[in-house]
Amino acid sequence: MTEGAYAQLALPVPMQTTLQIAGVLLAIITIWLDTRENVWARPLSLVGTSMALFVYYPAGLYAKCLLNGCYIVLNVYGWHQWLYGGEEKTPLQVSKTPTKILILATALGLVAAAALG
């Protein structure tokens, strides 16, 4: 990408700051909705994650853009599962993870962290 074309993508600093503040507010609302098992958390998270791309891409933070792309895909999947992931395409019921699986996941996470250093 040429320097001129890259400069055209950059948002003015006040606009970037506004997007960042809006993104943080949406993230807080999303967490609040998630703790109340409200399906509206997914579309709001999609909006917030998509907004971040307008800050990260012009700044050259391509890995963050890729990570946010993964978040977008996972949000779409989660939203679909929440609405249609139950038996016969009914809404999926929120349930607790069994203690045995939590212990196994924690152990695997610790082993992976140790292996990565």
Foldseek 3Di string as FASTA:
>chain_A
DDPVVLVVLADPPVVLVVLVVLLVVLVVVLVVCVVVVHLVSLVSNLVSLVSVCSNCVSVVNVVSVVVSVVVNVVSVVVSQCQDQVDPPGHGDDDDDDDPVVVVVVVVVVVVVVVVVD
